[in-house]
Amino acid sequence: MPKKSFSSFHRKSALQQEKPDPDGRAVDTSDVDEETYRDISAFPDNIATQITFRLSILRYLASECEKIIPKTIEPHRVALQRLHDRNIPSAISIYRWWLGFKSSGYNPVSLAP
């Protein structure tokens, strides 16, 4: 039986292999404009409120961060808390929202709980 290298058991996922955008920005804020709010009108009010809350957090981070990763999200959580009445989730939760949002082609429906 041939030996397998350690790295063959721990291959990088598609997200880890992904190369950053050429300009270095996490997202162009023009991709996330006001028209995206029309897509969530089919949801009940409580879910639409959650989507809007999550989208506002991601929009803020996109305007403030060079790259959205847990390490860059954490320093902005205090500012986010000042902007919102609700508790701000952990940096890793926000990062998971970002990954889902980005992989969906910036579709706000992906932010539904």
PDB file of N, CA and C in Angstrom:
ATOM      1  N   MET A   1       0.838  -1.175   0.000  1.00  0.00           N
ATOM      2  CA  MET A   1       0.000   0.000   0.000  1.00  0.00           C
ATOM      3  C   MET A   1       0.889   1.246   0.000  1.00  0.00           C
ATOM      4  N   PRO A   2       0.691   2.153  -0.964  1.00  0.00           N
ATOM      5  CA  PRO A   2       1.556   3.325  -1.043  1.00  0.00           C
ATOM      6  C   PRO A   2       1.266   4.293   0.099  1.00  0.00           C
ATOM      7  N   LYS A   3       2.310   4.971   0.536  1.00  0.00           N
ATOM      8  CA  LYS A   3       2.161   5.967   1.588  1.00  0.00           C
ATOM      9  C   LYS A   3       1.573   7.244   1.000  1.00  0.00           C
ATOM     10  N   LYS A   4       0.747   7.890   1.797  1.00  0.00           N
ATOM     11  CA  LYS A   4       0.154   9.153   1.379  1.00  0.00           C
ATOM     12  C   LYS A   4       0.748  10.269   2.223  1.00  0.00           C
ATOM     13  N   SER A   5       0.951  11.370   1.595  1.00  0.00           N
ATOM     14  CA  SER A   5       1.494  12.493   2.345  1.00  0.00           C
ATOM     15  C   SER A   5       0.411  13.090   3.236  1.00  0.00           C
ATOM     16  N   PHE A   6       0.864  13.763   4.274  1.00  0.00           N
ATOM     17  CA  PHE A   6      -0.059  14.370   5.228  1.00  0.00           C
ATOM     18  C   PHE A   6      -0.948  15.406   4.556  1.00  0.00           C
ATOM     19  N   SER A   7      -0.388  16.143   3.623  1.00  0.00           N
ATOM     20  CA  SER A   7      -1.156  17.201   2.969  1.00  0.00           C
ATOM     21  C   SER A   7      -2.297  16.664   2.114  1.00  0.00           C
ATOM     22  N   SER A   8      -2.209  15.433   1.673  1.00  0.00           N
ATOM     23  CA  SER A   8      -3.295  14.888   0.863  1.00  0.00           C
ATOM     24  C   SER A   8      -4.556  14.670   1.697  1.00  0.00           C
ATOM     25  N   PHE A   9      -4.398  14.563   3.015  1.00  0.00           N
ATOM     26  CA  PHE A   9      -5.561  14.412   3.889  1.00  0.00           C
ATOM     27  C   PHE A   9      -6.181  15.747   4.252  1.00  0.00           C
ATOM     28  N   HIS A  10      -5.432  16.812   4.132  1.00  0.00           N
ATOM     29  CA  HIS A  10      -5.897  18.140   4.543  1.00  0.00           C
ATOM     30  C   HIS A  10      -5.773  19.111   3.393  1.00  0.00           C
ATOM     31  N   ARG A  11      -6.510  18.866   2.358  1.00  0.00           N
ATOM     32  CA  ARG A  11      -6.485  19.767   1.207  1.00  0.00           C
ATOM     33  C   ARG A  11      -7.208  21.051   1.557  1.00  0.00           C
ATOM     34  N   LYS A  12      -6.793  22.112   0.924  1.00  0.00           N
ATOM     35  CA  LYS A  12      -7.440  23.393   1.157  1.00  0.00           C
ATOM     36  C   LYS A  12      -8.811  23.399   0.500  1.00  0.00           C
ATOM     37  N   SER A  13      -9.754  24.007   1.194  1.00  0.00           N
ATOM     38  CA  SER A  13     -11.094  24.119   0.633  1.00  0.00           C
ATOM     39  C   SER A  13     -11.081  25.142  -0.495  1.00  0.00           C
ATOM     40  N   ALA A  14     -12.171  25.207  -1.227  1.00  0.00           N
ATOM     41  CA  ALA A  14     -12.278  26.146  -2.345  1.00  0.00           C
ATOM     42  C   ALA A  14     -12.176  27.587  -1.852  1.00  0.00           C
ATOM     43  N   LEU A  15     -12.713  27.868  -0.640  1.00  0.00           N
ATOM     44  CA  LEU A  15     -12.660  29.221  -0.108  1.00  0.00           C
ATOM     45  C   LEU A  15     -11.228  29.613   0.249  1.00  0.00           C
ATOM     46  N   GLN A  16     -10.424  28.664   0.736  1.00  0.00           N
ATOM     47  CA  GLN A  16      -9.051  28.974   1.091  1.00  0.00           C
ATOM     48  C   GLN A  16      -8.191  29.150  -0.147  1.00  0.00           C
ATOM     49  N   GLN A  17      -8.533  28.502  -1.244  1.00  0.00           N
ATOM     50  CA  GLN A  17      -7.754  28.600  -2.465  1.00  0.00           C
ATOM     51  C   GLN A  17      -8.120  29.826  -3.285  1.00  0.00           C
ATOM     52  N   GLU A  18      -9.237  30.439  -2.947  1.00  0.00           N
ATOM     53  CA  GLU A  18      -9.727  31.579  -3.706  1.00  0.00           C
ATOM     54  C   GLU A  18      -8.741  32.740  -3.633  1.00  0.00           C
ATOM     55  N   LYS A  19      -8.489  33.369  -4.758  1.00  0.00           N
ATOM     56  CA  LYS A  19      -7.572  34.497  -4.817  1.00  0.00           C
ATOM     57  C   LYS A  19      -8.358  35.782  -4.576  1.00  0.00           C
ATOM     58  N   PRO A  20      -7.756  36.759  -3.917  1.00  0.00           N
ATOM     59  CA  PRO A  20      -8.464  38.017  -3.671  1.00  0.00           C
ATOM     60  C   PRO A  20      -8.719  38.774  -4.967  1.00  0.00           C
ATOM     61  N   ASP A  21      -9.654  39.706  -4.886  1.00  0.00           N
ATOM     62  CA  ASP A  21      -9.956  40.538  -6.036  1.00  0.00           C
ATOM     63  C   ASP A  21      -8.701  41.304  -6.444  1.00  0.00           C
ATOM     64  N   PRO A  22      -8.515  41.576  -7.744  1.00  0.00           N
ATOM     65  CA  PRO A  22      -7.293  42.231  -8.202  1.00  0.00           C
ATOM     66  C   PRO A  22      -7.053  43.596  -7.571  1.00  0.00           C
ATOM     67  N   ASP A  23      -8.117  44.341  -7.270  1.00  0.00           N
ATOM     68  CA  ASP A  23      -7.912  45.662  -6.690  1.00  0.00           C
ATOM     69  C   ASP A  23      -7.730  45.608  -5.175  1.00  0.00           C
ATOM     70  N   GLY A  24      -7.895  44.438  -4.564  1.00  0.00           N
ATOM     71  CA  GLY A  24      -7.651  44.280  -3.142  1.00  0.00           C
ATOM     72  C   GLY A  24      -8.840  44.587  -2.258  1.00  0.00           C
ATOM     73  N   ARG A  25      -9.883  45.159  -2.796  1.00  0.00           N
ATOM     74  CA  ARG A  25     -11.058  45.470  -1.990  1.00  0.00           C
ATOM     75  C   ARG A  25     -11.883  44.214  -1.780  1.00  0.00           C
ATOM     76  N   ALA A  26     -12.557  44.143  -0.659  1.00  0.00           N
ATOM     77  CA  ALA A  26     -13.380  42.983  -0.348  1.00  0.00           C
ATOM     78  C   ALA A  26     -14.600  42.943  -1.261  1.00  0.00           C
ATOM     79  N   VAL A  27     -15.255  44.072  -1.433  1.00  0.00           N
ATOM     80  CA  VAL A  27     -16.413  44.145  -2.312  1.00  0.00           C
ATOM     81  C   VAL A  27     -16.584  45.593  -2.756  1.00  0.00           C
ATOM     82  N   ASP A  28     -17.011  45.757  -3.962  1.00  0.00           N
ATOM     83  CA  ASP A  28     -17.322  47.082  -4.458  1.00  0.00           C
ATOM     84  C   ASP A  28     -18.685  47.449  -3.895  1.00  0.00           C
ATOM     85  N   THR A  29     -18.763  48.526  -3.128  1.00  0.00           N
ATOM     86  CA  THR A  29     -20.022  48.873  -2.486  1.00  0.00           C
ATOM     87  C   THR A  29     -21.117  49.207  -3.485  1.00  0.00           C
ATOM     88  N   SER A  30     -20.771  49.464  -4.717  1.00  0.00           N
ATOM     89  CA  SER A  30     -21.810  49.701  -5.717  1.00  0.00           C
ATOM     90  C   SER A  30     -22.561  48.408  -6.035  1.00  0.00           C
ATOM     91  N   ASP A  31     -21.940  47.236  -5.727  1.00  0.00           N
ATOM     92  CA  ASP A  31     -22.626  45.958  -5.928  1.00  0.00           C
ATOM     93  C   ASP A  31     -23.768  45.774  -4.941  1.00  0.00           C
ATOM     94  N   VAL A  32     -23.690  46.464  -3.815  1.00  0.00           N
ATOM     95  CA  VAL A  32     -24.674  46.295  -2.748  1.00  0.00           C
ATOM     96  C   VAL A  32     -25.439  47.610  -2.637  1.00  0.00           C
ATOM     97  N   ASP A  33     -26.286  47.889  -3.602  1.00  0.00           N
ATOM     98  CA  ASP A  33     -27.000  49.153  -3.602  1.00  0.00           C
ATOM     99  C   ASP A  33     -28.407  48.990  -3.037  1.00  0.00           C
ATOM    100  N   GLU A  34     -29.152  50.047  -3.081  1.00  0.00           N
ATOM    101  CA  GLU A  34     -30.492  50.061  -2.493  1.00  0.00           C
ATOM    102  C   GLU A  34     -31.470  49.108  -3.187  1.00  0.00           C
ATOM    103  N   GLU A  35     -31.205  48.737  -4.426  1.00  0.00           N
ATOM    104  CA  GLU A  35     -32.104  47.840  -5.141  1.00  0.00           C
ATOM    105  C   GLU A  35     -32.170  46.456  -4.503  1.00  0.00           C
ATOM    106  N   THR A  36     -31.151  46.090  -3.758  1.00  0.00           N
ATOM    107  CA  THR A  36     -31.145  44.766  -3.142  1.00  0.00           C
ATOM    108  C   THR A  36     -32.250  44.620  -2.112  1.00  0.00           C
ATOM    109  N   TYR A  37     -32.725  45.713  -1.549  1.00  0.00           N
ATOM    110  CA  TYR A  37     -33.790  45.633  -0.553  1.00  0.00           C
ATOM    111  C   TYR A  37     -35.114  45.167  -1.155  1.00  0.00           C
ATOM    112  N   ARG A  38     -35.288  45.283  -2.439  1.00  0.00           N
ATOM    113  CA  ARG A  38     -36.524  44.832  -3.084  1.00  0.00           C
ATOM    114  C   ARG A  38     -36.644  43.314  -3.071  1.00  0.00           C
ATOM    115  N   ASP A  39     -35.531  42.616  -3.091  1.00  0.00           N
ATOM    116  CA  ASP A  39     -35.543  41.158  -3.126  1.00  0.00           C
ATOM    117  C   ASP A  39     -36.076  40.528  -1.846  1.00  0.00           C
ATOM    118  N   ILE A  40     -36.030  41.242  -0.750  1.00  0.00           N
ATOM    119  CA  ILE A  40     -36.430  40.654   0.528  1.00  0.00           C
ATOM    120  C   ILE A  40     -37.882  40.940   0.896  1.00  0.00           C
ATOM    121  N   SER A  41     -38.612  41.591   0.021  1.00  0.00           N
ATOM    122  CA  SER A  41     -39.993  41.949   0.343  1.00  0.00           C
ATOM    123  C   SER A  41     -40.908  40.730   0.436  1.00  0.00           C
ATOM    124  N   ALA A  42     -40.496  39.595  -0.103  1.00  0.00           N
ATOM    125  CA  ALA A  42     -41.318  38.386  -0.055  1.00  0.00           C
ATOM    126  C   ALA A  42     -41.243  37.692   1.303  1.00  0.00           C
ATOM    127  N   PHE A  43     -40.274  38.040   2.138  1.00  0.00           N
ATOM    128  CA  PHE A  43     -40.110  37.410   3.440  1.00  0.00           C
ATOM    129  C   PHE A  43     -41.021  38.046   4.487  1.00  0.00           C
ATOM    130  N   PRO A  44     -41.347  37.297   5.547  1.00  0.00           N
ATOM    131  CA  PRO A  44     -42.078  37.898   6.674  1.00  0.00           C
ATOM    132  C   PRO A  44     -41.256  39.037   7.288  1.00  0.00           C
ATOM    133  N   ASP A  45     -41.919  39.919   7.994  1.00  0.00           N
ATOM    134  CA  ASP A  45     -41.253  41.112   8.527  1.00  0.00           C
ATOM    135  C   ASP A  45     -40.063  40.792   9.422  1.00  0.00           C
ATOM    136  N   ASN A  46     -40.195  39.785  10.299  1.00  0.00           N
ATOM    137  CA  ASN A  46     -39.092  39.497  11.215  1.00  0.00           C
ATOM    138  C   ASN A  46     -37.848  38.996  10.476  1.00  0.00           C
ATOM    139  N   ILE A  47     -38.031  38.208   9.426  1.00  0.00           N
ATOM    140  CA  ILE A  47     -36.888  37.718   8.650  1.00  0.00           C
ATOM    141  C   ILE A  47     -36.327  38.839   7.786  1.00  0.00           C
ATOM    142  N   ALA A  48     -37.200  39.667   7.221  1.00  0.00           N
ATOM    143  CA  ALA A  48     -36.733  40.805   6.429  1.00  0.00           C
ATOM    144  C   ALA A  48     -35.918  41.765   7.302  1.00  0.00           C
ATOM    145  N   THR A  49     -36.316  41.922   8.556  1.00  0.00           N
ATOM    146  CA  THR A  49     -35.570  42.766   9.482  1.00  0.00           C
ATOM    147  C   THR A  49     -34.190  42.175   9.752  1.00  0.00           C
ATOM    148  N   GLN A  50     -34.117  40.849   9.921  1.00  0.00           N
ATOM    149  CA  GLN A  50     -32.832  40.175  10.132  1.00  0.00           C
ATOM    150  C   GLN A  50     -31.916  40.357   8.921  1.00  0.00           C
ATOM    151  N   ILE A  51     -32.473  40.183   7.727  1.00  0.00           N
ATOM    152  CA  ILE A  51     -31.681  40.341   6.504  1.00  0.00           C
ATOM    153  C   ILE A  51     -31.155  41.773   6.401  1.00  0.00           C
ATOM    154  N   THR A  52     -32.001  42.738   6.674  1.00  0.00           N
ATOM    155  CA  THR A  52     -31.611  44.145   6.608  1.00  0.00           C
ATOM    156  C   THR A  52     -30.514  44.450   7.627  1.00  0.00           C
ATOM    157  N   PHE A  53     -30.645  43.904   8.830  1.00  0.00           N
ATOM    158  CA  PHE A  53     -29.643  44.083   9.884  1.00  0.00           C
ATOM    159  C   PHE A  53     -28.295  43.517   9.440  1.00  0.00           C
ATOM    160  N   ARG A  54     -28.306  42.297   8.936  1.00  0.00           N
ATOM    161  CA  ARG A  54     -27.070  41.651   8.497  1.00  0.00           C
ATOM    162  C   ARG A  54     -26.455  42.386   7.312  1.00  0.00           C
ATOM    163  N   LEU A  55     -27.305  42.817   6.388  1.00  0.00           N
ATOM    164  CA  LEU A  55     -26.815  43.536   5.214  1.00  0.00           C
ATOM    165  C   LEU A  55     -26.198  44.875   5.611  1.00  0.00           C
ATOM    166  N   SER A  56     -26.792  45.557   6.580  1.00  0.00           N
ATOM    167  CA  SER A  56     -26.225  46.839   7.016  1.00  0.00           C
ATOM    168  C   SER A  56     -24.859  46.647   7.670  1.00  0.00           C
ATOM    169  N   ILE A  57     -24.684  45.551   8.404  1.00  0.00           N
ATOM    170  CA  ILE A  57     -23.383  45.254   9.002  1.00  0.00           C
ATOM    171  C   ILE A  57     -22.350  44.996   7.903  1.00  0.00           C
ATOM    172  N   LEU A  58     -22.719  44.200   6.913  1.00  0.00           N
ATOM    173  CA  LEU A  58     -21.783  43.885   5.829  1.00  0.00           C
ATOM    174  C   LEU A  58     -21.451  45.113   4.991  1.00  0.00           C
ATOM    175  N   ARG A  59     -22.426  45.972   4.787  1.00  0.00           N
ATOM    176  CA  ARG A  59     -22.172  47.205   4.026  1.00  0.00           C
ATOM    177  C   ARG A  59     -21.191  48.108   4.769  1.00  0.00           C
ATOM    178  N   TYR A  60     -21.381  48.211   6.090  1.00  0.00           N
ATOM    179  CA  TYR A  60     -20.467  49.023   6.888  1.00  0.00           C
ATOM    180  C   TYR A  60     -19.043  48.459   6.802  1.00  0.00           C
ATOM    181  N   LEU A  61     -18.921  47.154   6.974  1.00  0.00           N
ATOM    182  CA  LEU A  61     -17.607  46.525   6.937  1.00  0.00           C
ATOM    183  C   LEU A  61     -16.957  46.647   5.558  1.00  0.00           C
ATOM    184  N   ALA A  62     -17.756  46.548   4.505  1.00  0.00           N
ATOM    185  CA  ALA A  62     -17.220  46.685   3.146  1.00  0.00           C
ATOM    186  C   ALA A  62     -16.666  48.085   2.913  1.00  0.00           C
ATOM    187  N   SER A  63     -17.282  49.073   3.545  1.00  0.00           N
ATOM    188  CA  SER A  63     -16.793  50.437   3.368  1.00  0.00           C
ATOM    189  C   SER A  63     -15.585  50.740   4.250  1.00  0.00           C
ATOM    190  N   GLU A  64     -15.427  50.005   5.351  1.00  0.00           N
ATOM    191  CA  GLU A  64     -14.361  50.282   6.306  1.00  0.00           C
ATOM    192  C   GLU A  64     -13.153  49.354   6.197  1.00  0.00           C
ATOM    193  N   CYS A  65     -13.360  48.131   5.755  1.00  0.00           N
ATOM    194  CA  CYS A  65     -12.289  47.122   5.765  1.00  0.00           C
ATOM    195  C   CYS A  65     -11.706  46.929   4.377  1.00  0.00           C
ATOM    196  N   GLU A  66     -10.420  46.718   4.340  1.00  0.00           N
ATOM    197  CA  GLU A  66      -9.744  46.377   3.089  1.00  0.00           C
ATOM    198  C   GLU A  66     -10.148  44.967   2.657  1.00  0.00           C
ATOM    199  N   LYS A  67     -10.208  44.063   3.628  1.00  0.00           N
ATOM    200  CA  LYS A  67     -10.564  42.673   3.386  1.00  0.00           C
ATOM    201  C   LYS A  67     -11.403  42.205   4.572  1.00  0.00           C
ATOM    202  N   ILE A  68     -12.518  41.549   4.310  1.00  0.00           N
ATOM    203  CA  ILE A  68     -13.398  41.124   5.396  1.00  0.00           C
ATOM    204  C   ILE A  68     -12.991  39.724   5.856  1.00  0.00           C
ATOM    205  N   ILE A  69     -12.324  39.694   6.990  1.00  0.00           N
ATOM    206  CA  ILE A  69     -11.940  38.451   7.657  1.00  0.00           C
ATOM    207  C   ILE A  69     -12.164  38.674   9.153  1.00  0.00           C
ATOM    208  N   PRO A  70     -12.245  37.600   9.957  1.00  0.00           N
ATOM    209  CA  PRO A  70     -12.513  37.790  11.390  1.00  0.00           C
ATOM    210  C   PRO A  70     -11.556  38.766  12.075  1.00  0.00           C
ATOM    211  N   LYS A  71     -10.309  38.758  11.669  1.00  0.00           N
ATOM    212  CA  LYS A  71      -9.308  39.626  12.284  1.00  0.00           C
ATOM    213  C   LYS A  71      -9.598  41.107  12.025  1.00  0.00           C
ATOM    214  N   THR A  72     -10.145  41.424  10.858  1.00  0.00           N
ATOM    215  CA  THR A  72     -10.447  42.831  10.544  1.00  0.00           C
ATOM    216  C   THR A  72     -11.849  43.230  11.008  1.00  0.00           C
ATOM    217  N   ILE A  73     -12.704  42.262  11.261  1.00  0.00           N
ATOM    218  CA  ILE A  73     -14.059  42.562  11.721  1.00  0.00           C
ATOM    219  C   ILE A  73     -14.049  42.975  13.187  1.00  0.00           C
ATOM    220  N   GLU A  74     -13.256  42.289  13.989  1.00  0.00           N
ATOM    221  CA  GLU A  74     -13.261  42.475  15.449  1.00  0.00           C
ATOM    222  C   GLU A  74     -13.089  43.931  15.886  1.00  0.00           C
ATOM    223  N   PRO A  75     -12.146  44.700  15.336  1.00  0.00           N
ATOM    224  CA  PRO A  75     -12.001  46.096  15.784  1.00  0.00           C
ATOM    225  C   PRO A  75     -13.216  46.974  15.478  1.00  0.00           C
ATOM    226  N   HIS A  76     -14.052  46.567  14.548  1.00  0.00           N
ATOM    227  CA  HIS A  76     -15.215  47.380  14.153  1.00  0.00           C
ATOM    228  C   HIS A  76     -16.488  47.024  14.927  1.00  0.00           C
ATOM    229  N   ARG A  77     -16.430  46.012  15.764  1.00  0.00           N
ATOM    230  CA  ARG A  77     -17.640  45.584  16.479  1.00  0.00           C
ATOM    231  C   ARG A  77     -18.150  46.661  17.432  1.00  0.00           C
ATOM    232  N   VAL A  78     -17.270  47.440  18.028  1.00  0.00           N
ATOM    233  CA  VAL A  78     -17.695  48.516  18.929  1.00  0.00           C
ATOM    234  C   VAL A  78     -18.444  49.591  18.148  1.00  0.00           C
ATOM    235  N   ALA A  79     -17.909  49.981  17.011  1.00  0.00           N
ATOM    236  CA  ALA A  79     -18.580  50.981  16.170  1.00  0.00           C
ATOM    237  C   ALA A  79     -19.919  50.455  15.669  1.00  0.00           C
ATOM    238  N   LEU A  80     -19.959  49.178  15.308  1.00  0.00           N
ATOM    239  CA  LEU A  80     -21.218  48.572  14.864  1.00  0.00           C
ATOM    240  C   LEU A  80     -22.252  48.584  15.984  1.00  0.00           C
ATOM    241  N   GLN A  81     -21.814  48.314  17.208  1.00  0.00           N
ATOM    242  CA  GLN A  81     -22.735  48.318  18.342  1.00  0.00           C
ATOM    243  C   GLN A  81     -23.321  49.705  18.562  1.00  0.00           C
ATOM    244  N   ARG A  82     -22.526  50.738  18.326  1.00  0.00           N
ATOM    245  CA  ARG A  82     -23.025  52.115  18.470  1.00  0.00           C
ATOM    246  C   ARG A  82     -24.052  52.459  17.405  1.00  0.00           C
ATOM    247  N   LEU A  83     -23.939  51.828  16.236  1.00  0.00           N
ATOM    248  CA  LEU A  83     -24.868  52.100  15.136  1.00  0.00           C
ATOM    249  C   LEU A  83     -26.185  51.344  15.262  1.00  0.00           C
ATOM    250  N   HIS A  84     -26.189  50.236  16.007  1.00  0.00           N
ATOM    251  CA  HIS A  84     -27.368  49.379  16.100  1.00  0.00           C
ATOM    252  C   HIS A  84     -27.813  49.222  17.551  1.00  0.00           C
ATOM    253  N   ASP A  85     -29.127  49.076  17.729  1.00  0.00           N
ATOM    254  CA  ASP A  85     -29.678  48.876  19.068  1.00  0.00           C
ATOM    255  C   ASP A  85     -29.527  47.436  19.531  1.00  0.00           C
ATOM    256  N   ARG A  86     -29.421  46.517  18.591  1.00  0.00           N
ATOM    257  CA  ARG A  86     -29.328  45.094  18.929  1.00  0.00           C
ATOM    258  C   ARG A  86     -27.876  44.701  19.178  1.00  0.00           C
ATOM    259  N   ASN A  87     -27.692  43.560  19.830  1.00  0.00           N
ATOM    260  CA  ASN A  87     -26.346  43.048  20.062  1.00  0.00           C
ATOM    261  C   ASN A  87     -25.720  42.625  18.737  1.00  0.00           C
ATOM    262  N   ILE A  88     -24.450  42.913  18.610  1.00  0.00           N
ATOM    263  CA  ILE A  88     -23.705  42.536  17.420  1.00  0.00           C
ATOM    264  C   ILE A  88     -23.128  41.138  17.648  1.00  0.00           C
ATOM    265  N   PRO A  89     -23.311  40.229  16.705  1.00  0.00           N
ATOM    266  CA  PRO A  89     -22.788  38.872  16.878  1.00  0.00           C
ATOM    267  C   PRO A  89     -21.256  38.839  16.808  1.00  0.00           C
ATOM    268  N   SER A  90     -20.706  37.677  17.062  1.00  0.00           N
ATOM    269  CA  SER A  90     -19.254  37.519  17.044  1.00  0.00           C
ATOM    270  C   SER A  90     -18.698  37.763  15.642  1.00  0.00           C
ATOM    271  N   ALA A  91     -17.400  38.008  15.600  1.00  0.00           N
ATOM    272  CA  ALA A  91     -16.727  38.266  14.324  1.00  0.00           C
ATOM    273  C   ALA A  91     -16.826  37.055  13.399  1.00  0.00           C
ATOM    274  N   ILE A  92     -16.749  35.856  13.960  1.00  0.00           N
ATOM    275  CA  ILE A  92     -16.815  34.658  13.115  1.00  0.00           C
ATOM    276  C   ILE A  92     -18.210  34.484  12.515  1.00  0.00           C
ATOM    277  N   SER A  93     -19.250  34.853  13.252  1.00  0.00           N
ATOM    278  CA  SER A  93     -20.611  34.786  12.699  1.00  0.00           C
ATOM    279  C   SER A  93     -20.767  35.767  11.538  1.00  0.00           C
ATOM    280  N   ILE A  94     -20.269  36.961  11.733  1.00  0.00           N
ATOM    281  CA  ILE A  94     -20.341  37.963  10.668  1.00  0.00           C
ATOM    282  C   ILE A  94     -19.542  37.490   9.454  1.00  0.00           C
ATOM    283  N   TYR A  95     -18.401  36.869   9.708  1.00  0.00           N
ATOM    284  CA  TYR A  95     -17.584  36.343   8.613  1.00  0.00           C
ATOM    285  C   TYR A  95     -18.327  35.247   7.863  1.00  0.00           C
ATOM    286  N   ARG A  96     -19.051  34.403   8.567  1.00  0.00           N
ATOM    287  CA  ARG A  96     -19.849  33.363   7.895  1.00  0.00           C
ATOM    288  C   ARG A  96     -20.947  33.989   7.041  1.00  0.00           C
ATOM    289  N   TRP A  97     -21.564  35.056   7.533  1.00  0.00           N
ATOM    290  CA  TRP A  97     -22.554  35.766   6.717  1.00  0.00           C
ATOM    291  C   TRP A  97     -21.888  36.266   5.447  1.00  0.00           C
ATOM    292  N   TRP A  98     -20.690  36.843   5.609  1.00  0.00           N
ATOM    293  CA  TRP A  98     -19.972  37.383   4.464  1.00  0.00           C
ATOM    294  C   TRP A  98     -19.661  36.300   3.434  1.00  0.00           C
ATOM    295  N   LEU A  99     -19.197  35.145   3.884  1.00  0.00           N
ATOM    296  CA  LEU A  99     -18.863  34.065   2.957  1.00  0.00           C
ATOM    297  C   LEU A  99     -20.091  33.608   2.171  1.00  0.00           C
ATOM    298  N   GLY A 100     -21.227  33.469   2.861  1.00  0.00           N
ATOM    299  CA  GLY A 100     -22.462  33.079   2.185  1.00  0.00           C
ATOM    300  C   GLY A 100     -22.938  34.141   1.215  1.00  0.00           C
ATOM    301  N   PHE A 101     -22.841  35.388   1.629  1.00  0.00           N
ATOM    302  CA  PHE A 101     -23.271  36.513   0.809  1.00  0.00           C
ATOM    303  C   PHE A 101     -22.403  36.630  -0.447  1.00  0.00           C
ATOM    304  N   LYS A 102     -21.106  36.484  -0.283  1.00  0.00           N
ATOM    305  CA  LYS A 102     -20.177  36.588  -1.411  1.00  0.00           C
ATOM    306  C   LYS A 102     -20.348  35.411  -2.376  1.00  0.00           C
ATOM    307  N   SER A 103     -20.504  34.200  -1.827  1.00  0.00           N
ATOM    308  CA  SER A 103     -20.626  33.024  -2.698  1.00  0.00           C
ATOM    309  C   SER A 103     -21.962  33.000  -3.448  1.00  0.00           C
ATOM    310  N   SER A 104     -22.958  33.733  -2.945  1.00  0.00           N
ATOM    311  CA  SER A 104     -24.246  33.788  -3.626  1.00  0.00           C
ATOM    312  C   SER A 104     -24.289  34.868  -4.702  1.00  0.00           C
ATOM    313  N   GLY A 105     -23.179  35.528  -4.919  1.00  0.00           N
ATOM    314  CA  GLY A 105     -23.163  36.617  -5.897  1.00  0.00           C
ATOM    315  C   GLY A 105     -23.763  37.884  -5.323  1.00  0.00           C
ATOM    316  N   TYR A 106     -23.591  38.086  -4.008  1.00  0.00           N
ATOM    317  CA  TYR A 106     -24.084  39.261  -3.296  1.00  0.00           C
ATOM    318  C   TYR A 106     -25.605  39.353  -3.317  1.00  0.00           C
ATOM    319  N   ASN A 107     -26.242  38.201  -3.167  1.00  0.00           N
ATOM    320  CA  ASN A 107     -27.700  38.135  -3.114  1.00  0.00           C
ATOM    321  C   ASN A 107     -28.137  38.256  -1.647  1.00  0.00           C
ATOM    322  N   PRO A 108     -28.916  39.279  -1.281  1.00  0.00           N
ATOM    323  CA  PRO A 108     -29.307  39.469   0.109  1.00  0.00           C
ATOM    324  C   PRO A 108     -30.158  38.331   0.666  1.00  0.00           C
ATOM    325  N   VAL A 109     -30.794  37.556  -0.190  1.00  0.00           N
ATOM    326  CA  VAL A 109     -31.601  36.419   0.265  1.00  0.00           C
ATOM    327  C   VAL A 109     -30.718  35.412   1.004  1.00  0.00           C
ATOM    328  N   SER A 110     -29.436  35.350   0.667  1.00  0.00           N
ATOM    329  CA  SER A 110     -28.522  34.426   1.339  1.00  0.00           C
ATOM    330  C   SER A 110     -28.301  34.782   2.800  1.00  0.00           C
ATOM    331  N   LEU A 111     -28.693  35.978   3.206  1.00  0.00           N
ATOM    332  CA  LEU A 111     -28.522  36.408   4.598  1.00  0.00           C
ATOM    333  C   LEU A 111     -29.716  36.047   5.472  1.00  0.00           C
ATOM    334  N   ALA A 112     -30.710  35.409   4.905  1.00  0.00           N
ATOM    335  CA  ALA A 112     -31.884  35.000   5.685  1.00  0.00           C
ATOM    336  C   ALA A 112     -31.481  33.941   6.699  1.00  0.00           C
ATOM    337  N   PRO A 113     -32.006  34.043   7.933  1.00  0.00           N
ATOM    338  CA  PRO A 113     -31.671  33.036   8.950  1.00  0.00           C
ATOM    339  C   PRO A 113     -32.295  31.688   8.647  1.00  0.00           C
TER     340      PRO A 113
END
